Amino acid sequence: PTQGQQSCKAPLLMSRPFSRIILPLIAIPLAAAASGHPAFALFRGVPLRAAGAAASAGLQAARPFSSRYLTATTLRMSVFPNLFGMRGGGSSDASGSTLAIFPSAFHDAAPSWESLDKMVKETPDGQRLRAEQQDREAGKGPAHCKNKLRLFGKTEKDVRVVLYRDHAGWCPYCQKVWLLLEEKQMPYRIEHINMRSYGEKPDWFMKKNPSGMLPVCEVDGQMVSDSIRIMQVLDGLDDTVPMLPRDQEGLARANKFMQIERELFSAWCSYVFQPRTFGRKGFEEVLTKVDKALKETAGPWFLGGTHPTIVDLQYISHVERMAPSVLYWKGLQMRGGEAQTKYPALHVWLAAFEDRQTYMATKSDYYTHITDIPPQYGAGQEVAEADPYMASLDGRKGWTLPLPPLTSDSMQLVLDKPLTNIPDETARIEAAMCLIGNHKNLARYCARSAGPDVGKWRQKGGGGKSALADPGAKSNEAVVPDMDACLRHVAHALLAGPEVAAKSVVSPGVDSRVQQDCLKYLCQRISVPRDMTYPAARQLRAHLNWAAAII
């Protein structure tokens, strides 16, 4: 394979166990890579060049990185031990249960969607969120995952760029380009495309981009691929917010830091995707090296200045994924606690990103990452030290009411900042709005858990398919009305509180295990930032579990 984003080389460990056991496992992802599968593609780097050089070259292919700028990483093969290959994931635990339909009294007792929508409209947060929604449709307002057009005070005639990025916001390479466009405030359109790990790509996109790889940018009608190359081309279009130094000395420093980023990525792969604690020492050593590099300049950014550059964007998309993955699979904290004093500059750098709306619009939560990493990179190899964290992060424990406050001591660290620590009431209203605005589709989506196809796509596709994706799965139509009523109770609890909402819940009086599993099916599939912010997602997950318990 010659296209793609990631350098993956198998270690030359041609021992007998390696040749007889490991080598056959490697052959499978290599075959997947040859067919263009994004999880096993090879990264072909692009050197960082001055904007003038990039502009003079137009959209021609840039020279590849020298090999010394790339660090070989270990190829991971995901061998899933069960249908879903993750804790807390999957379909109905009561798949053999007989469906018992709820009585009409249960349906009638739930508030109507119209009355719930009115409750939202009467709140200041609801009014603000609706105004932001209207601004998004016009290409205005702050950065947001659901944006389709960004104008930054200009007109649609000024749009030269179309960004094709993954629909769910899972792809780290799409995130870099997305961030760059937001930081430069460059007018652009967005087309959301499925990753192969959770859906099929549309034919019209494959005609434009036969490899199917993401991200891709259409710049003045020409398709540009490879995230680093895309970012350099875009940076060369204007100098209003330069994302790279324009001098050779500055570029040399940038390339030095880019080399360290490849070392960090390689060390992360060697640690998380290898058994036991192999690779931990090397990973921590490179983290110390990164922290030292951040201290070379004043301010939080690698190259100094008032805003992040391409170097920072290259780091953040994977550092964001490293924090939950090393905690979930290896029990190692990268943020908070001792890590904050061990890597102080890294902590300041991450906090600076979390002060920027541009970044927070793209940021996922820990649960989303521990579920989106396996189909993209392979399964993390867990150790016993991770047991205290795994159940809390994957939803087997702790997603219940009342929720503890979000703090810097939370397992998923949340700093006391306006963009991160959203008040609980605001988060509940955001979650209720998302539920109310899409209730018809969500009721049918829940009912997939009771349908005939749940899990089949994942079973058929293997480790490169997401454990939580069921594209094309059919809903069980018989249970849709029950799920509609359940979701109305959930929205009511979000808006009025669970104590008030519980008074209007009529006991169904029948076996409700199928309906409970339908609610849990939705709970496990709430993704950040695709669906809502992290504070809103944790509220909705807990309220769905409340409803499952009360019925």
Protein backbone atom coordinates (compact mmCIF):
# COMPACT_ATOMS: atom_id res chain seq x y z
CA PRO A 1 0.00 0.00 0.00
CA THR A 2 1.21 3.45 -0.83
CA GLN A 3 -1.64 5.66 0.31
CA GLY A 4 -2.58 6.65 3.79
CA GLN A 5 -1.53 8.11 7.06
CA GLN A 6 0.37 5.75 9.29
CA SER A 7 3.81 4.13 9.27
CA CYS A 8 3.46 0.54 10.43
CA LYS A 9 6.38 -1.84 10.18
CA ALA A 10 6.54 -5.31 11.62
CA PRO A 11 9.57 -5.86 13.87
CA LEU A 12 12.11 -8.25 12.41
CA LEU A 13 11.71 -10.90 15.08
CA MET A 14 11.91 -13.95 12.89
CA SER A 15 12.03 -16.48 15.68
CA ARG A 16 10.14 -19.74 15.31
CA PRO A 17 7.12 -18.56 17.41
CA PHE A 18 7.12 -15.35 15.43
CA SER A 19 7.15 -17.06 12.03
CA ARG A 20 4.59 -19.69 12.98
CA ILE A 21 2.16 -17.65 15.08
CA ILE A 22 2.64 -13.91 14.71
CA LEU A 23 3.49 -13.74 11.03
CA PRO A 24 0.18 -15.26 9.88
CA LEU A 25 -1.65 -12.68 11.99
CA ILE A 26 0.33 -9.90 10.34
CA ALA A 27 -0.59 -11.15 6.87
CA ILE A 28 -4.25 -10.34 7.45
CA PRO A 29 -3.89 -6.61 8.21
CA LEU A 30 -1.31 -6.28 5.44
CA ALA A 31 -3.90 -7.63 3.04
CA ALA A 32 -6.39 -5.16 4.49
CA ALA A 33 -3.89 -2.37 3.96
CA ALA A 34 -3.38 -3.40 0.34
CA SER A 35 -7.10 -3.00 -0.20
CA GLY A 36 -7.03 0.51 1.23
CA HIS A 37 -8.34 -0.26 4.72
CA PRO A 38 -7.70 2.88 6.82
CA ALA A 39 -6.78 1.03 9.99
CA PHE A 40 -3.68 -0.52 8.44
CA ALA A 41 -2.59 2.08 5.89
CA LEU A 42 1.00 3.25 5.59
CA PHE A 43 1.85 6.83 6.46
CA ARG A 44 3.81 8.71 3.87
CA GLY A 45 5.03 11.89 5.53
CA VAL A 46 5.47 15.32 3.97
CA PRO A 47 8.27 17.70 4.94
CA LEU A 48 7.31 20.97 6.56
CA ARG A 49 8.14 23.73 4.11
CA ALA A 50 7.76 27.48 4.10
CA ALA A 51 4.37 28.73 2.96
CA GLY A 52 5.91 30.43 -0.04
CA ALA A 53 7.45 27.19 -1.21
CA ALA A 54 4.18 25.35 -0.72
CA ALA A 55 2.30 28.03 -2.58
CA SER A 56 4.74 28.08 -5.49
CA ALA A 57 4.40 24.33 -5.78
CA GLY A 58 0.63 24.75 -5.95
CA LEU A 59 -1.10 21.45 -5.37
CA GLN A 60 1.78 19.31 -6.61
CA ALA A 61 2.93 16.41 -4.45
CA ALA A 62 5.44 17.45 -1.80
CA ARG A 63 8.68 15.60 -1.16
CA PRO A 64 8.39 12.79 1.41
CA PHE A 65 10.01 13.03 4.82
CA SER A 66 13.52 11.75 5.07
CA SER A 67 13.49 8.34 6.71
CA ARG A 68 15.12 9.83 9.80
CA TYR A 69 11.89 11.79 10.39
CA LEU A 70 9.87 8.60 10.60
CA THR A 71 10.02 6.13 13.45
CA ALA A 72 8.91 2.61 12.65
CA THR A 73 5.92 1.49 14.65
CA THR A 74 4.81 -1.98 15.56
CA LEU A 75 2.04 -3.50 13.51
CA ARG A 76 -0.90 -4.49 15.66
CA MET A 77 -3.29 -7.30 14.90
CA SER A 78 -6.61 -7.14 16.63
CA VAL A 79 -7.78 -10.56 17.80
CA PHE A 80 -11.19 -10.01 19.35
CA PRO A 81 -12.12 -12.55 22.02
CA ASN A 82 -15.85 -12.05 21.62
CA LEU A 83 -18.44 -10.58 19.32
CA PHE A 84 -17.75 -6.99 20.28
CA GLY A 85 -14.11 -7.11 21.37
CA MET A 86 -14.63 -4.62 24.19
CA ARG A 87 -16.00 -4.49 27.68
CA GLY A 88 -19.42 -2.93 28.06
CA GLY A 89 -20.17 -3.10 24.35
CA GLY A 90 -22.59 -5.12 22.38
CA SER A 91 -26.16 -5.98 21.87
CA SER A 92 -28.86 -7.20 24.11
CA ASP A 93 -27.78 -9.44 26.97
CA ALA A 94 -31.32 -10.78 26.93
CA SER A 95 -31.40 -11.64 23.25
CA GLY A 96 -33.40 -14.74 24.08
CA SER A 97 -36.06 -12.82 26.00
CA THR A 98 -39.62 -12.79 24.74
CA LEU A 99 -40.80 -9.33 23.75
CA ALA A 100 -43.72 -8.16 25.89
CA ILE A 101 -45.32 -4.95 24.64
CA PHE A 102 -46.01 -2.25 27.22
CA PRO A 103 -49.64 -1.29 27.91
CA SER A 104 -51.13 1.94 26.55
CA ALA A 105 -51.17 3.39 30.07
CA PHE A 106 -47.36 3.48 30.03
CA HIS A 107 -47.36 5.37 26.71
CA ASP A 108 -50.11 7.80 27.76
CA ALA A 109 -48.40 8.75 31.02
CA ALA A 110 -45.26 10.05 29.32
CA PRO A 111 -45.25 13.79 28.45
CA SER A 112 -45.69 14.58 24.76
CA TRP A 113 -42.74 15.65 22.64
CA GLU A 114 -44.49 18.98 22.05
CA SER A 115 -44.72 19.73 25.78
CA LEU A 116 -41.08 18.70 26.27
CA ASP A 117 -39.98 20.95 23.42
CA LYS A 118 -41.86 23.82 25.03
CA MET A 119 -40.03 23.20 28.31
CA VAL A 120 -36.69 23.53 26.50
CA LYS A 121 -37.72 26.74 24.73
CA GLU A 122 -38.60 28.37 28.04
CA THR A 123 -35.05 28.02 29.39
CA PRO A 124 -32.25 30.53 28.68
CA ASP A 125 -29.90 27.66 27.77
CA GLY A 126 -32.46 26.24 25.35
CA GLN A 127 -32.89 29.62 23.69
CA ARG A 128 -29.13 30.08 23.38
CA LEU A 129 -28.58 26.59 21.96
CA ARG A 130 -31.36 27.08 19.40
CA ALA A 131 -29.88 30.43 18.32
CA GLU A 132 -26.50 28.74 17.85
CA GLN A 133 -28.19 26.03 15.79
CA GLN A 134 -29.69 28.65 13.48
CA ASP A 135 -26.31 30.38 13.17
CA ARG A 136 -24.69 27.07 12.19
CA GLU A 137 -27.13 26.62 9.33
CA ALA A 138 -26.02 30.03 8.00
CA GLY A 139 -22.30 29.25 8.37
CA LYS A 140 -21.96 31.46 11.46
CA GLY A 141 -21.29 30.97 15.15
CA PRO A 142 -18.63 29.03 17.04
CA ALA A 143 -16.97 25.84 15.88
CA HIS A 144 -19.22 22.80 16.18
CA CYS A 145 -19.17 19.16 15.12
CA LYS A 146 -22.42 19.54 13.16
CA ASN A 147 -21.27 22.47 11.02
CA LYS A 148 -21.68 22.02 7.27
CA LEU A 149 -20.53 25.51 6.25
CA ARG A 150 -18.07 27.94 7.84
CA LEU A 151 -17.86 31.52 6.58
CA PHE A 152 -16.13 33.56 9.33
CA GLY A 153 -17.84 36.77 8.27
CA LYS A 154 -17.29 36.22 4.54
CA THR A 155 -19.65 35.00 1.80
CA GLU A 156 -20.17 31.64 0.14
CA LYS A 157 -18.34 33.00 -2.92
CA ASP A 158 -15.19 33.08 -0.80
CA VAL A 159 -15.28 29.33 -0.14
CA ARG A 160 -12.34 27.61 -1.87
CA VAL A 161 -12.10 24.52 0.30
CA VAL A 162 -14.29 21.47 0.90
CA LEU A 163 -13.22 19.25 3.80
CA TYR A 164 -14.25 15.60 3.58
CA ARG A 165 -13.98 14.25 7.12
CA ASP A 166 -15.38 11.31 9.02
CA HIS A 167 -18.96 11.64 10.20
CA ALA A 168 -18.36 10.48 13.78
CA GLY A 169 -15.36 12.69 14.54
CA TRP A 170 -13.22 9.61 15.26
CA CYS A 171 -10.39 10.14 12.78
CA PRO A 172 -7.31 11.85 14.30
CA TYR A 173 -6.05 12.92 10.87
CA CYS A 174 -9.34 14.59 9.99
CA GLN A 175 -9.20 16.36 13.35
CA LYS A 176 -5.88 18.04 12.52
CA VAL A 177 -7.15 19.50 9.25
CA TRP A 178 -10.46 20.51 10.80
CA LEU A 179 -8.59 22.36 13.56
CA LEU A 180 -6.31 24.14 11.09
CA LEU A 181 -9.25 25.47 9.07
CA GLU A 182 -10.90 26.73 12.24
CA GLU A 183 -7.73 28.35 13.56
CA LYS A 184 -7.05 30.08 10.25
CA GLN A 185 -10.75 31.04 9.93
CA MET A 186 -10.67 30.00 6.31
CA PRO A 187 -14.14 29.69 4.74
CA TYR A 188 -14.93 26.06 3.92
CA ARG A 189 -17.64 23.48 3.45
CA ILE A 190 -17.82 20.14 5.22
CA GLU A 191 -18.91 16.79 3.81
CA HIS A 192 -19.30 13.99 6.35
CA ILE A 193 -18.12 10.59 5.11
CA ASN A 194 -18.29 7.23 6.89
CA MET A 195 -15.10 5.54 7.96
CA ARG A 196 -14.96 1.92 6.84
CA SER A 197 -14.99 0.91 10.50
CA TYR A 198 -18.60 2.02 10.92
CA GLY A 199 -20.19 2.23 7.49
CA GLU A 200 -19.88 2.21 3.73
CA LYS A 201 -18.57 5.15 1.74
CA PRO A 202 -20.95 6.67 -0.83
CA ASP A 203 -20.30 5.96 -4.52
CA TRP A 204 -20.05 9.66 -5.40
CA PHE A 205 -17.19 10.07 -2.91
CA MET A 206 -15.33 7.01 -4.20
CA LYS A 207 -15.49 8.47 -7.71
CA LYS A 208 -13.88 11.67 -6.45
CA ASN A 209 -11.40 9.84 -4.23
CA PRO A 210 -10.87 6.22 -5.39
CA SER A 211 -8.72 5.28 -2.38
CA GLY A 212 -11.54 6.24 -0.04
CA MET A 213 -9.00 7.53 2.48
CA LEU A 214 -9.80 10.39 4.86
CA PRO A 215 -9.21 13.25 5.24
CA VAL A 216 -9.35 14.75 1.78
CA CYS A 217 -9.67 18.42 0.87
CA GLU A 218 -10.95 19.78 -2.39
CA VAL A 219 -9.02 23.01 -2.95
CA ASP A 220 -10.10 25.09 -5.93
CA GLY A 221 -11.55 21.94 -7.47
CA GLN A 222 -8.48 19.73 -6.93
CA MET A 223 -8.35 16.85 -4.44
CA VAL A 224 -5.51 16.89 -1.91
CA SER A 225 -4.84 13.97 0.45
CA ASP A 226 -2.55 13.20 3.42
CA SER A 227 -3.21 15.36 6.48
CA ILE A 228 0.24 16.98 6.71
CA ARG A 229 0.29 17.81 3.02
CA ILE A 230 -3.27 19.19 3.23
CA MET A 231 -2.33 21.43 6.17
CA GLN A 232 0.70 22.83 4.34
CA VAL A 233 -1.30 23.51 1.18
CA LEU A 234 -4.03 25.27 3.18
CA ASP A 235 -1.49 27.30 5.15
CA GLY A 236 0.01 28.47 1.88
CA LEU A 237 -3.30 29.92 0.68
CA ASP A 238 -3.04 32.95 2.99
CA ASP A 239 -0.78 34.45 5.65
CA THR A 240 -3.43 35.86 7.98
CA VAL A 241 -2.81 33.20 10.64
CA PRO A 242 0.48 31.48 9.73
CA MET A 243 0.56 27.90 10.96
CA LEU A 244 4.26 27.35 10.22
CA PRO A 245 7.38 29.52 10.46
CA ARG A 246 8.27 31.33 7.24
CA ASP A 247 12.04 31.06 7.84
CA GLN A 248 14.40 28.10 7.52
CA GLU A 249 15.55 28.20 11.14
CA GLY A 250 11.96 28.07 12.36
CA LEU A 251 11.15 25.24 9.97
CA ALA A 252 14.15 23.28 11.23
CA ARG A 253 12.84 23.57 14.79
CA ALA A 254 9.38 22.54 13.63
CA ASN A 255 10.75 19.45 11.91
CA LYS A 256 12.74 18.55 15.04
CA PHE A 257 9.52 18.55 17.06
CA MET A 258 7.69 16.62 14.34
CA GLN A 259 10.34 13.90 14.61
CA ILE A 260 9.72 13.66 18.36
CA GLU A 261 6.00 13.31 17.67
CA ARG A 262 6.68 10.25 15.53
CA GLU A 263 8.78 8.83 18.38
CA LEU A 264 5.88 9.42 20.76
CA PHE A 265 3.39 7.75 18.44
CA SER A 266 5.66 4.76 18.01
CA ALA A 267 6.22 4.43 21.76
CA TRP A 268 2.46 4.61 22.37
CA CYS A 269 1.81 1.82 19.87
CA SER A 270 4.56 -0.32 21.37
CA TYR A 271 3.03 0.15 24.82
CA VAL A 272 -0.75 0.02 24.39
CA PHE A 273 -0.94 -2.67 21.71
CA GLN A 274 1.66 -4.99 23.23
CA PRO A 275 0.96 -7.45 26.08
CA ARG A 276 1.77 -6.80 29.74
CA THR A 277 3.71 -3.61 30.56
CA PHE A 278 6.14 -3.97 27.68
CA GLY A 279 6.96 -0.51 26.34
CA ARG A 280 5.92 1.54 29.39
CA LYS A 281 9.43 2.77 30.15
CA GLY A 282 9.98 3.86 26.55
CA PHE A 283 6.61 5.62 26.43
CA GLU A 284 7.27 7.57 29.63
CA GLU A 285 10.76 8.51 28.42
CA VAL A 286 9.35 10.03 25.24
CA LEU A 287 6.64 11.84 27.23
CA THR A 288 9.45 13.43 29.27
CA LYS A 289 11.17 14.38 26.01
CA VAL A 290 7.96 16.01 24.76
CA ASP A 291 7.56 17.90 28.05
CA LYS A 292 11.13 19.17 27.74
CA ALA A 293 10.51 20.29 24.14
CA LEU A 294 7.48 22.31 25.26
CA LYS A 295 9.64 24.14 27.78
CA GLU A 296 11.97 25.46 25.05
CA THR A 297 9.64 28.37 24.22
CA ALA A 298 7.64 30.87 26.22
CA GLY A 299 3.94 30.14 26.38
CA PRO A 300 2.16 26.83 25.94
CA TRP A 301 2.84 26.13 22.24
CA PHE A 302 5.73 24.18 20.71
CA LEU A 303 6.86 27.10 18.53
CA GLY A 304 5.79 29.88 20.90
CA GLY A 305 3.43 32.58 19.71
CA THR A 306 -0.22 33.20 20.48
CA HIS A 307 -1.83 30.26 18.71
CA PRO A 308 -1.13 26.59 17.96
CA THR A 309 0.72 25.68 14.78
CA ILE A 310 0.81 22.60 12.56
CA VAL A 311 3.27 21.10 15.03
CA ASP A 312 0.75 21.39 17.87
CA LEU A 313 -2.03 20.00 15.69
CA GLN A 314 0.13 17.05 14.71
CA TYR A 315 0.54 16.19 18.39
CA ILE A 316 -2.87 16.93 19.87
CA SER A 317 -4.98 14.50 17.87
CA HIS A 318 -3.00 11.50 19.11
CA VAL A 319 -2.12 12.81 22.59
CA GLU A 320 -5.86 13.19 23.11
CA ARG A 321 -6.26 9.48 22.34
CA MET A 322 -3.22 8.41 24.33
CA ALA A 323 -4.60 9.68 27.66
CA PRO A 324 -7.70 7.43 27.75
CA SER A 325 -6.02 4.45 26.11
CA VAL A 326 -3.07 4.17 28.52
CA LEU A 327 -5.44 4.60 31.46
CA TYR A 328 -8.01 2.09 30.21
CA TRP A 329 -5.69 -0.67 29.05
CA LYS A 330 -2.56 -0.06 31.15
CA GLY A 331 -3.74 1.82 34.26
CA LEU A 332 -1.33 4.71 33.59
CA GLN A 333 -2.53 8.27 34.18
CA MET A 334 -1.25 10.86 31.72
CA ARG A 335 -3.32 13.70 33.18
CA GLY A 336 -3.94 14.76 36.75
CA GLY A 337 -2.40 13.41 39.93
CA GLU A 338 1.32 12.69 39.77
CA ALA A 339 1.32 13.11 35.98
CA GLN A 340 0.59 16.82 36.38
CA THR A 341 3.84 17.34 38.31
CA LYS A 342 5.78 14.83 36.20
CA TYR A 343 4.82 16.49 32.89
CA PRO A 344 3.95 20.09 33.83
CA ALA A 345 4.50 21.63 30.39
CA LEU A 346 2.34 18.95 28.75
CA HIS A 347 -0.42 19.73 31.26
CA VAL A 348 -0.22 23.46 30.48
CA TRP A 349 -0.28 22.71 26.74
CA LEU A 350 -3.40 20.53 27.01
CA ALA A 351 -5.10 23.12 29.22
CA ALA A 352 -4.34 25.80 26.61
CA PHE A 353 -6.06 23.72 23.95
CA GLU A 354 -9.08 23.29 26.22
CA ASP A 355 -9.39 27.09 26.39
CA ARG A 356 -10.06 27.16 22.64
CA GLN A 357 -13.53 26.61 21.22
CA THR A 358 -11.89 25.44 17.99
CA TYR A 359 -10.44 22.45 19.82
CA MET A 360 -13.31 21.68 22.17
CA ALA A 361 -15.65 21.34 19.17
CA THR A 362 -13.47 18.46 17.94
CA LYS A 363 -12.59 16.81 21.28
CA SER A 364 -13.92 13.36 22.19
CA ASP A 365 -14.42 11.88 25.64
CA TYR A 366 -12.57 8.89 27.06
CA TYR A 367 -15.39 6.42 26.37
CA THR A 368 -15.62 7.41 22.71
CA HIS A 369 -11.89 6.89 22.27
CA ILE A 370 -11.68 3.51 23.98
CA THR A 371 -14.41 2.32 21.62
CA ASP A 372 -13.11 4.00 18.44
CA ILE A 373 -9.44 2.99 18.86
CA PRO A 374 -9.79 -0.83 18.40
CA PRO A 375 -11.32 -0.76 14.90
CA GLN A 376 -8.76 1.83 13.76
CA TYR A 377 -5.57 0.63 15.45
CA GLY A 378 -6.26 -2.78 16.93
CA ALA A 379 -7.23 -3.94 20.40
CA GLY A 380 -5.35 -2.56 23.38
CA GLN A 381 -3.69 -5.18 25.58
CA GLU A 382 -5.01 -4.83 29.12
CA VAL A 383 -3.12 -5.44 32.37
CA ALA A 384 -4.37 -6.07 35.89
CA GLU A 385 -3.36 -2.56 36.97
CA ALA A 386 -6.05 -1.18 34.67
CA ASP A 387 -8.93 -3.05 36.36
CA PRO A 388 -9.85 -0.16 38.72
CA TYR A 389 -10.35 2.12 35.71
CA MET A 390 -11.85 -0.09 33.02
CA ALA A 391 -15.34 -0.59 34.45
CA SER A 392 -15.75 3.12 35.20
CA LEU A 393 -14.62 4.21 31.75
CA ASP A 394 -16.58 1.70 29.67
CA GLY A 395 -19.89 2.15 31.48
CA ARG A 396 -20.13 -1.03 33.52
CA LYS A 397 -19.85 1.13 36.62
CA GLY A 398 -20.66 4.73 37.47
CA TRP A 399 -23.10 5.75 34.70
CA THR A 400 -25.88 6.15 37.21
CA LEU A 401 -27.70 8.98 38.98
CA PRO A 402 -26.75 10.96 40.92
CA LEU A 403 -23.61 11.77 38.96
CA PRO A 404 -20.56 13.09 40.83
CA PRO A 405 -19.35 16.58 39.85
CA LEU A 406 -16.74 16.92 37.14
CA THR A 407 -13.43 18.08 38.59
CA SER A 408 -9.70 17.97 37.97
CA ASP A 409 -9.72 14.88 40.21
CA SER A 410 -12.23 13.02 38.02
CA MET A 411 -11.00 9.90 36.25
CA GLN A 412 -11.50 11.86 33.04
CA LEU A 413 -9.91 15.09 34.19
CA VAL A 414 -12.11 18.16 33.66
CA LEU A 415 -10.56 21.54 34.42
CA ASP A 416 -12.71 24.29 35.89
CA LYS A 417 -12.94 26.23 32.64
CA PRO A 418 -15.97 27.68 30.82
CA LEU A 419 -15.59 25.40 27.78
CA THR A 420 -14.94 22.18 29.71
CA ASN A 421 -16.88 22.25 32.98
CA ILE A 422 -20.34 23.05 31.66
CA PRO A 423 -22.95 23.36 34.47
CA ASP A 424 -25.04 20.23 34.97
CA GLU A 425 -28.30 22.03 34.19
CA THR A 426 -26.91 23.32 30.90
CA ALA A 427 -25.62 19.83 30.04
CA ARG A 428 -29.02 18.28 30.76
CA ILE A 429 -30.79 20.79 28.53
CA GLU A 430 -28.31 20.12 25.71
CA ALA A 431 -28.92 16.38 26.06
CA ALA A 432 -32.70 16.86 26.12
CA MET A 433 -32.55 19.05 23.00
CA CYS A 434 -30.62 16.39 21.11
CA LEU A 435 -33.15 13.78 22.20
CA ILE A 436 -36.21 15.88 21.36
CA GLY A 437 -34.87 17.08 18.02
CA ASN A 438 -34.25 13.56 16.73
CA HIS A 439 -36.74 11.49 18.72
CA LYS A 440 -38.34 9.65 15.80
CA ASN A 441 -35.05 8.30 14.52
CA LEU A 442 -33.77 7.54 18.01
CA ALA A 443 -36.80 5.44 18.95
CA ARG A 444 -36.24 3.33 15.85
CA TYR A 445 -32.50 3.25 16.52
CA CYS A 446 -33.08 1.82 20.01
CA ALA A 447 -35.34 -0.83 18.50
CA ARG A 448 -32.41 -2.20 16.47
CA SER A 449 -31.34 -4.00 19.64
CA ALA A 450 -34.51 -6.12 19.41
CA GLY A 451 -34.17 -6.59 15.64
CA PRO A 452 -32.73 -9.49 13.67
CA ASP A 453 -29.46 -7.91 12.45
CA VAL A 454 -27.82 -6.55 15.59
CA GLY A 455 -24.09 -7.35 15.59
CA LYS A 456 -24.09 -9.10 12.20
CA TRP A 457 -22.14 -6.38 10.39
CA ARG A 458 -19.40 -6.51 13.02
CA GLN A 459 -19.34 -10.32 12.99
CA LYS A 460 -19.06 -10.36 9.22
CA GLY A 461 -16.45 -7.63 8.96
CA GLY A 462 -13.97 -8.64 11.65
CA GLY A 463 -11.64 -6.50 13.75
CA GLY A 464 -11.64 -3.53 11.38
CA LYS A 465 -15.35 -2.96 12.03
CA SER A 466 -16.55 -1.01 15.04
CA ALA A 467 -18.06 -3.05 17.85
CA LEU A 468 -20.86 -0.54 18.21
CA ALA A 469 -21.86 -0.08 14.56
CA ASP A 470 -24.85 -1.76 12.92
CA PRO A 471 -25.29 0.04 9.57
CA GLY A 472 -28.39 -1.11 7.78
CA ALA A 473 -29.68 -3.05 10.78
CA LYS A 474 -33.47 -3.35 10.86
CA SER A 475 -35.50 -2.13 13.82
CA ASN A 476 -38.07 -4.30 15.54
CA GLU A 477 -41.15 -2.24 14.67
CA ALA A 478 -43.20 -3.76 17.48
CA VAL A 479 -41.02 -2.19 20.16
CA VAL A 480 -40.70 1.30 18.58
CA PRO A 481 -43.77 2.78 20.40
CA ASP A 482 -42.41 1.53 23.74
CA MET A 483 -39.03 3.12 23.04
CA ASP A 484 -40.68 6.37 22.05
CA ALA A 485 -42.46 6.49 25.42
CA CYS A 486 -39.27 5.54 27.30
CA LEU A 487 -37.34 8.35 25.60
CA ARG A 488 -40.07 10.83 26.52
CA HIS A 489 -39.60 9.83 30.16
CA VAL A 490 -35.82 10.28 29.75
CA ALA A 491 -36.27 13.78 28.30
CA HIS A 492 -38.70 14.63 31.12
CA ALA A 493 -36.15 13.48 33.72
CA LEU A 494 -33.43 15.59 32.08
CA LEU A 495 -35.62 18.70 32.17
CA ALA A 496 -37.60 18.31 35.40
CA GLY A 497 -35.40 15.96 37.40
CA PRO A 498 -35.70 12.19 37.92
CA GLU A 499 -37.80 12.55 41.10
CA VAL A 500 -40.48 14.51 39.26
CA ALA A 501 -40.32 12.36 36.13
CA ALA A 502 -40.62 9.13 38.11
CA LYS A 503 -44.10 10.14 39.27
CA SER A 504 -45.41 9.94 35.69
CA VAL A 505 -43.91 6.50 34.97
CA VAL A 506 -46.57 3.79 35.05
CA SER A 507 -45.19 0.34 35.72
CA PRO A 508 -45.44 -1.68 32.49
CA GLY A 509 -46.33 -4.78 34.50
CA VAL A 510 -44.67 -7.10 32.00
CA ASP A 511 -41.18 -8.48 31.33
CA SER A 512 -39.22 -5.38 30.24
CA ARG A 513 -35.79 -6.89 29.59
CA VAL A 514 -35.98 -6.27 25.82
CA GLN A 515 -36.87 -2.60 26.33
CA GLN A 516 -34.12 -2.24 28.94
CA ASP A 517 -31.59 -3.59 26.47
CA CYS A 518 -32.85 -1.20 23.81
CA LEU A 519 -32.15 1.74 26.14
CA LYS A 520 -28.68 0.37 26.94
CA TYR A 521 -28.03 -0.10 23.22
CA LEU A 522 -28.50 3.65 22.71
CA CYS A 523 -26.56 4.46 25.88
CA GLN A 524 -23.48 2.61 24.63
CA ARG A 525 -23.55 4.40 21.29
CA ILE A 526 -23.58 8.04 22.35
CA SER A 527 -20.44 9.50 20.81
CA VAL A 528 -18.59 12.74 21.62
CA PRO A 529 -18.38 15.16 19.84
CA ARG A 530 -20.60 13.68 17.11
CA ASP A 531 -23.77 13.72 19.22
CA MET A 532 -23.10 16.25 21.97
CA THR A 533 -20.50 17.56 24.41
CA TYR A 534 -19.02 15.29 27.07
CA PRO A 535 -20.98 16.86 30.00
CA ALA A 536 -24.23 16.37 28.06
CA ALA A 537 -23.29 12.82 27.03
CA ARG A 538 -22.61 11.70 30.60
CA GLN A 539 -26.00 13.11 31.64
CA LEU A 540 -27.85 11.33 28.85
CA ARG A 541 -26.05 8.03 29.48
CA ALA A 542 -26.94 8.15 33.18
CA HIS A 543 -30.56 9.13 32.51
CA LEU A 544 -30.97 6.28 30.00
CA ASN A 545 -29.74 3.88 32.67
CA TRP A 546 -32.19 5.49 35.12
CA ALA A 547 -35.04 4.75 32.71
CA ALA A 548 -33.84 1.18 32.16
CA ALA A 549 -33.86 0.63 35.92
CA ILE A 550 -37.24 2.24 36.58
CA ILE A 551 -39.13 0.24 33.94
